[in-house]
Protein backbone atom coordinates (compact mmCIF):
# COMPACT_ATOMS: atom_id res chain seq x y z
CA MET A 1 14.23 36.42 3.93
CA LYS A 2 15.40 35.94 -0.19
CA VAL A 3 14.18 33.05 -1.39
CA VAL A 4 16.14 31.80 -4.63
CA PRO A 5 13.74 30.10 -6.61
CA TRP A 6 16.18 27.49 -8.44
CA ILE A 7 16.87 27.22 -4.94
CA LEU A 8 14.03 26.41 -4.09
CA PHE A 9 12.95 24.06 -6.76
CA ALA A 10 16.02 22.03 -6.49
CA VAL A 11 14.25 21.74 -2.39
CA LEU A 12 11.20 20.18 -3.45
CA ALA A 13 11.46 18.77 -7.58
CA PRO A 14 10.75 15.33 -6.93
CA ALA A 15 13.24 12.58 -7.47
CA PHE A 16 13.68 10.67 -11.11
CA THR A 17 15.05 7.84 -12.35
CA ALA A 18 18.13 7.95 -15.44
CA SER A 19 15.30 7.04 -17.58
CA GLY A 20 13.63 10.57 -16.08
CA VAL A 21 10.52 9.28 -15.09
CA GLU A 22 9.89 10.37 -11.74
CA GLN A 23 10.06 7.97 -8.64
CA GLU A 24 6.92 7.27 -6.43
CA PRO A 25 7.72 6.89 -2.67
CA VAL A 26 8.37 3.79 -0.71
CA LYS A 27 8.03 2.49 2.64
CA ARG A 28 10.62 0.00 3.74
CA GLU A 29 11.19 -1.87 7.30
CA LEU A 30 14.15 -1.49 8.29
CA GLU A 31 16.30 -4.33 10.59
CA LEU A 32 20.23 -4.23 12.42
CA ILE A 33 21.29 -8.18 11.95
CA TYR A 34 23.80 -8.92 14.47
CA VAL A 35 26.69 -11.11 13.04
CA PHE A 36 28.11 -13.57 15.92
CA GLU A 37 31.93 -14.05 14.38
CA GLY A 38 35.49 -13.35 15.84
CA SER A 39 35.98 -11.69 19.10
CA LYS A 40 33.08 -8.86 18.42
CA PRO A 41 29.73 -9.23 17.22
CA GLU A 42 29.67 -7.28 13.67
CA PHE A 43 26.33 -5.27 12.59
CA ILE A 44 25.02 -4.98 9.08
CA PHE A 45 21.64 -3.50 8.44
CA VAL A 46 19.01 -4.88 6.42
CA ILE A 47 16.07 -3.10 4.32
CA GLY A 48 14.46 -6.22 2.00
CA GLN A 49 17.28 -7.74 0.49
CA SER A 50 20.34 -5.50 1.15
CA GLY A 51 22.31 -4.81 3.50
CA PHE A 52 24.89 -1.78 5.13
CA LYS A 53 27.83 -2.60 7.58
CA SER A 54 27.56 1.35 8.47
CA VAL A 55 25.78 4.16 8.50
CA ALA A 56 27.15 6.52 6.49
CA SER A 57 26.40 3.46 3.58
CA LEU A 58 23.00 2.87 4.86
CA GLU A 59 22.86 6.98 4.27
CA GLU A 60 23.89 6.72 0.41
CA HIS A 61 21.73 4.05 -0.36
CA LEU A 62 19.14 6.66 1.34
CA LYS A 63 20.01 9.19 -0.77
CA THR A 64 18.70 6.97 -3.56
CA TRP A 65 14.76 7.43 -2.11
CA PRO A 66 12.44 9.85 -3.24
CA ARG A 67 10.99 13.02 -0.87
CA GLY A 68 7.77 11.36 0.71
CA SER A 69 9.52 7.09 1.31
CA GLU A 70 8.78 6.04 4.72
CA LEU A 71 11.69 4.09 6.19
CA ARG A 72 9.74 2.25 9.36
CA TRP A 73 12.24 0.31 12.03
CA ALA A 74 11.00 -1.39 15.33
CA PRO A 75 14.66 -2.56 16.88
CA GLY A 76 13.08 -4.53 19.65
CA CYS A 77 14.49 -3.73 23.91
CA VAL A 78 17.44 -7.22 23.88
CA ARG A 79 20.57 -5.28 23.12
CA VAL A 80 24.23 -7.29 22.94
CA GLY A 81 26.00 -3.15 22.82
CA GLY A 82 28.27 -1.30 20.77
CA GLU A 83 25.06 -0.87 18.27
CA PRO A 84 25.00 1.47 16.25
CA LEU A 85 22.39 3.88 16.13
CA LEU A 86 20.30 2.55 19.11
CA SER A 87 23.87 3.42 21.13
CA SER A 88 24.63 7.13 20.89
CA GLU A 89 21.92 9.53 21.19
CA LYS A 90 24.28 12.15 18.61
CA GLU A 91 25.11 9.20 15.93
CA MET A 92 20.51 8.76 16.20
CA GLY A 93 20.20 12.39 16.13
CA ASP A 94 22.02 13.02 13.75
CA PHE A 95 20.87 9.77 10.96
CA ARG A 96 17.17 11.64 11.96
CA LYS A 97 18.43 15.08 10.61
CA PHE A 98 19.67 12.83 7.57
CA LEU A 99 16.00 11.57 6.72
CA GLU A 100 14.41 14.86 7.21
CA ARG A 101 16.36 16.57 4.99
CA ARG A 102 16.22 14.31 2.29
CA GLY A 103 12.67 14.62 3.16
CA ILE A 104 12.22 10.91 3.94
CA ARG A 105 9.41 9.53 7.47
CA PHE A 106 10.81 8.23 9.90
CA VAL A 107 9.26 5.93 12.21
CA LEU A 108 10.57 4.11 14.87
CA VAL A 109 8.67 1.50 17.03
CA PRO A 110 9.79 1.67 20.60
CA SER A 111 10.71 -1.41 22.23
CA GLY A 112 8.05 -2.77 24.96
């Protein structure tokens, strides 16, 4: 296999802020909030004080995290149906692959 040095560097390079300071990995908790307003529940992913209405917007946020970061999620066992990621093995698999490519460790705490 031929390795192109600049591509390898881009993959292994640390993340930097706009001011050129290297970002330290972060460790955050993910929550899924249910909004019961209207005829059908809506879902919002929450990390700290930030909310995301879709997996795509959550992924856009996670693209800003440096490699070596960790996202922990303990979604519990109560479901109403249609929850993003939790209702689709394919969607969850794609999300895991996204995080792996970004170098973000994903800790999914199984419900019990």
